[in-house]
């Protein structure tokens, strides 16, 4: 049990560093210093940095799945689910380094593959399900093709990380993601859906029980 808690501490601490600074710029020495543990302790639990990056990525993906499932379970309808996702996205991405996905793609193929699988399966299926639900509820336009829009949405997520389109010195990742997300949602909505989305967003921003930072 003790070994497992140490491993979880390493995964959590390394994940925090990777998210904030990117993967390439963080060494095993940096992780050891950040966690106040020896490098020997790191290598007792992980074969090398590649192994740590892979497991930290998988842990982050699993955590995201749990959070999204929790949001879905608590949502009153398809619009409420999207409003809750908007709040969650701001919290998750406010301190995220846009270099994260680039580093995974270029230097860590196993972790990158796990992200692609998550994006192309879990996220895509979640978007398709949400759109179909919203159409049934009358909040999304009935002529929308859920599969087409799901493909658009998962590519939008990656676009926000592209520093050729959104240079770090001019744009904040969280703001770019939320602008793109709102544009996507409004494109789905009927007039009834747009108004409900605005109502949910306003209520969430005013609520003292929701901490978006």
Protein backbone atom coordinates (compact mmCIF):
# COMPACT_ATOMS: atom_id res chain seq x y z
CA UNK A 1 0.00 0.00 0.00
CA UNK A 2 2.84 2.33 0.87
CA UNK A 3 4.59 1.67 -2.45
CA UNK A 4 1.32 2.34 -4.28
CA UNK A 5 0.86 5.69 -2.52
CA UNK A 6 4.43 6.69 -3.43
CA UNK A 7 3.78 5.77 -7.06
CA UNK A 8 0.56 7.79 -7.10
CA UNK A 9 2.40 10.75 -5.57
CA UNK A 10 4.99 10.55 -8.34
CA UNK A 11 2.36 10.26 -11.06
CA UNK A 12 0.42 13.22 -9.70
CA UNK A 13 3.49 15.39 -9.21
CA UNK A 14 5.01 14.56 -12.59
CA UNK A 15 1.65 15.13 -14.26
CA UNK A 16 1.41 18.60 -12.71
CA UNK A 17 4.84 19.51 -14.06
CA UNK A 18 4.15 18.12 -17.53
CA UNK A 19 0.86 20.02 -17.78
CA UNK A 20 2.39 23.30 -16.62
CA UNK A 21 5.72 23.22 -18.45
CA UNK A 22 5.37 20.63 -21.20
CA UNK A 23 7.07 17.24 -21.21
CA UNK A 24 10.36 17.84 -22.98
CA UNK A 25 11.55 20.56 -20.59
CA UNK A 26 11.01 18.43 -17.46
CA UNK A 27 13.72 15.96 -16.46
CA UNK A 28 13.71 13.16 -13.91
CA UNK A 29 15.88 15.45 -11.75
CA UNK A 30 13.18 18.14 -11.90
CA UNK A 31 10.54 15.65 -10.84
CA UNK A 32 12.66 14.34 -7.97
CA UNK A 33 13.27 17.88 -6.70
CA UNK A 34 9.62 18.84 -7.06
CA UNK A 35 8.51 15.84 -5.01
CA UNK A 36 11.46 15.89 -2.57
CA UNK A 37 12.34 12.29 -3.38
CA UNK A 38 15.48 10.67 -4.74
CA UNK A 39 15.92 9.66 -8.36
CA UNK A 40 16.42 6.15 -7.02
CA UNK A 41 12.83 6.27 -5.74
CA UNK A 42 11.62 7.31 -9.18
CA UNK A 43 13.42 4.43 -10.85
CA UNK A 44 12.03 1.97 -8.31
CA UNK A 45 8.60 2.66 -9.76
CA UNK A 46 9.31 3.62 -13.37
CA UNK A 47 11.81 2.19 -15.83
CA UNK A 48 12.66 5.57 -17.34
CA UNK A 49 11.13 8.91 -18.25
CA UNK A 50 9.24 7.35 -21.17
CA UNK A 51 7.56 4.92 -18.78
CA UNK A 52 6.68 7.75 -16.38
CA UNK A 53 5.28 9.93 -19.17
CA UNK A 54 3.19 7.04 -20.47
CA UNK A 55 1.73 6.17 -17.08
CA UNK A 56 1.16 9.82 -16.13
CA UNK A 57 -0.68 10.37 -19.42
CA UNK A 58 -2.85 7.31 -18.85
CA UNK A 59 -3.62 8.46 -15.29
CA UNK A 60 -4.59 11.91 -16.56
CA UNK A 61 -6.84 10.42 -19.25
CA UNK A 62 -8.55 8.13 -16.74
CA UNK A 63 -9.12 11.06 -14.38
CA UNK A 64 -10.62 13.10 -17.23
CA UNK A 65 -12.96 10.24 -18.12
CA UNK A 66 -14.14 10.04 -14.51
CA UNK A 67 -14.74 13.78 -14.36
CA UNK A 68 -16.65 13.86 -17.64
CA UNK A 69 -18.77 10.89 -16.59
CA UNK A 70 -19.55 12.66 -13.34
CA UNK A 71 -20.61 15.79 -15.25
CA UNK A 72 -22.78 13.71 -17.56
CA UNK A 73 -24.47 11.91 -14.68
CA UNK A 74 -25.31 15.19 -12.95
CA UNK A 75 -26.45 17.09 -16.06
CA UNK A 76 -30.14 17.93 -16.36
CA UNK A 77 -30.04 17.87 -20.16
CA UNK A 78 -27.64 18.12 -23.11
CA UNK A 79 -27.21 21.88 -22.70
CA UNK A 80 -26.50 21.63 -18.99
CA UNK A 81 -23.83 19.01 -19.76
CA UNK A 82 -22.08 21.39 -22.17
CA UNK A 83 -22.27 24.27 -19.71
CA UNK A 84 -20.67 22.09 -17.03
CA UNK A 85 -17.98 20.97 -19.49
CA UNK A 86 -17.23 24.63 -20.24
CA UNK A 87 -16.55 25.29 -16.56
CA UNK A 88 -14.44 22.14 -16.26
CA UNK A 89 -12.41 23.07 -19.35
CA UNK A 90 -11.52 26.48 -17.92
CA UNK A 91 -10.36 24.89 -14.67
CA UNK A 92 -8.29 22.23 -16.46
CA UNK A 93 -6.67 24.43 -19.09
CA UNK A 94 -5.99 27.69 -17.28
CA UNK A 95 -2.49 26.49 -16.34
CA UNK A 96 -1.89 24.04 -19.20
CA UNK A 97 1.13 24.57 -21.43
CA UNK A 98 0.19 24.44 -25.14
CA UNK A 99 3.45 22.57 -25.82
CA UNK A 100 2.10 19.51 -24.01
CA UNK A 101 0.48 17.78 -26.99
CA UNK A 102 3.34 18.72 -29.33
CA UNK A 103 5.85 17.15 -26.95
CA UNK A 104 3.81 13.95 -26.68
CA UNK A 105 3.38 13.70 -30.44
CA UNK A 106 7.06 14.26 -31.24
CA UNK A 107 8.86 12.52 -28.39
CA UNK A 108 6.51 10.07 -26.67
CA UNK A 109 4.62 7.90 -29.20
CA UNK A 110 3.03 5.54 -26.66
CA UNK A 111 1.54 8.39 -24.63
CA UNK A 112 0.52 10.13 -27.84
CA UNK A 113 -1.23 6.97 -28.99
CA UNK A 114 -3.17 6.84 -25.73
CA UNK A 115 -4.30 10.45 -26.24
CA UNK A 116 -5.37 9.73 -29.83
CA UNK A 117 -7.36 6.70 -28.68
CA UNK A 118 -9.04 8.82 -25.99
CA UNK A 119 -9.84 11.57 -28.48
CA UNK A 120 -11.04 9.35 -31.29
CA UNK A 121 -13.12 7.04 -29.13
CA UNK A 122 -14.22 8.38 -25.74
CA UNK A 123 -14.48 12.05 -26.70
CA UNK A 124 -16.02 11.35 -30.10
CA UNK A 125 -18.60 8.98 -28.65
CA UNK A 126 -19.43 11.47 -25.88
CA UNK A 127 -20.00 14.25 -28.42
CA UNK A 128 -22.18 12.03 -30.63
CA UNK A 129 -24.26 10.97 -27.62
CA UNK A 130 -24.67 14.56 -26.42
CA UNK A 131 -25.73 15.83 -29.86
CA UNK A 132 -28.28 13.06 -30.33
CA UNK A 133 -29.68 13.81 -26.89
CA UNK A 134 -29.84 17.54 -27.63
CA UNK A 135 -31.70 16.91 -30.88
CA UNK A 136 -34.25 14.73 -29.07
CA UNK A 137 -34.72 17.44 -26.45
CA UNK A 138 -35.22 20.14 -29.08
CA UNK A 139 -32.13 22.13 -28.08
CA UNK A 140 -30.02 21.25 -31.15
CA UNK A 141 -30.97 21.66 -34.81
CA UNK A 142 -32.51 18.43 -36.16
CA UNK A 143 -30.63 18.53 -39.48
CA UNK A 144 -27.24 18.19 -37.77
CA UNK A 145 -25.22 15.04 -38.47
CA UNK A 146 -23.79 13.99 -35.06
CA UNK A 147 -20.89 12.04 -36.57
CA UNK A 148 -19.75 14.97 -38.73
CA UNK A 149 -19.95 17.43 -35.84
CA UNK A 150 -18.14 15.05 -33.50
CA UNK A 151 -15.26 14.83 -35.99
CA UNK A 152 -15.18 18.63 -36.17
CA UNK A 153 -15.17 18.95 -32.41
CA UNK A 154 -12.26 16.61 -31.73
CA UNK A 155 -10.14 18.44 -34.32
CA UNK A 156 -11.05 21.78 -32.74
CA UNK A 157 -9.50 20.62 -29.47
CA UNK A 158 -6.14 20.02 -31.19
CA UNK A 159 -6.29 23.27 -33.19
CA UNK A 160 -6.19 25.36 -30.01
CA UNK A 161 -2.76 23.87 -29.16
CA UNK A 162 -1.24 24.94 -32.50
CA UNK A 163 1.13 27.83 -31.76
CA UNK A 164 1.26 28.73 -35.45
CA UNK A 165 -2.40 29.73 -35.22
CA UNK A 166 -2.40 30.86 -31.60
CA UNK A 167 1.10 32.02 -30.52
CA UNK A 168 1.70 31.75 -26.77
CA UNK A 169 2.65 35.42 -26.49
CA UNK A 170 -0.73 36.50 -27.85
CA UNK A 171 -3.24 33.90 -26.72
CA UNK A 172 -4.14 32.01 -23.55
CA UNK A 173 -4.95 28.35 -24.18
CA UNK A 174 -7.99 28.30 -21.89
CA UNK A 175 -9.50 31.36 -23.56
CA UNK A 176 -8.91 29.95 -27.06
CA UNK A 177 -10.48 26.61 -26.13
CA UNK A 178 -13.52 28.27 -24.60
CA UNK A 179 -14.03 30.63 -27.54
CA UNK A 180 -13.91 27.66 -29.93
CA UNK A 181 -16.16 25.60 -27.66
CA UNK A 182 -18.81 28.33 -27.41
CA UNK A 183 -18.73 28.80 -31.19
CA UNK A 184 -19.28 25.06 -31.62
CA UNK A 185 -22.17 24.97 -29.15
CA UNK A 186 -23.95 27.97 -30.69
CA UNK A 187 -23.66 26.32 -34.09
CA UNK A 188 -25.55 23.30 -32.77
CA UNK A 189 -28.32 25.13 -30.97
CA UNK A 190 -31.86 26.07 -31.80
CA UNK A 191 -32.92 29.45 -30.43
CA UNK A 192 -34.32 27.65 -27.38
CA UNK A 193 -31.00 25.90 -26.91
CA UNK A 194 -28.96 29.10 -27.21
CA UNK A 195 -31.01 30.84 -24.56
CA UNK A 196 -30.76 27.90 -22.19
CA UNK A 197 -26.99 27.69 -22.69
CA UNK A 198 -26.63 31.39 -21.90
CA UNK A 199 -28.80 30.97 -18.80
CA UNK A 200 -26.68 28.08 -17.53
CA UNK A 201 -23.43 29.93 -18.19
CA UNK A 202 -24.64 33.04 -16.39
CA UNK A 203 -25.84 30.99 -13.42
CA UNK A 204 -22.53 29.14 -13.20
CA UNK A 205 -20.46 32.33 -13.32
CA UNK A 206 -22.58 33.94 -10.61
CA UNK A 207 -22.65 30.92 -8.34
CA UNK A 208 -20.25 31.10 -5.43
CA UNK A 209 -20.26 27.31 -5.21
CA UNK A 210 -18.50 26.85 -8.55
CA UNK A 211 -14.77 27.61 -8.50
CA UNK A 212 -13.53 27.96 -12.07
CA UNK A 213 -10.02 28.88 -11.05
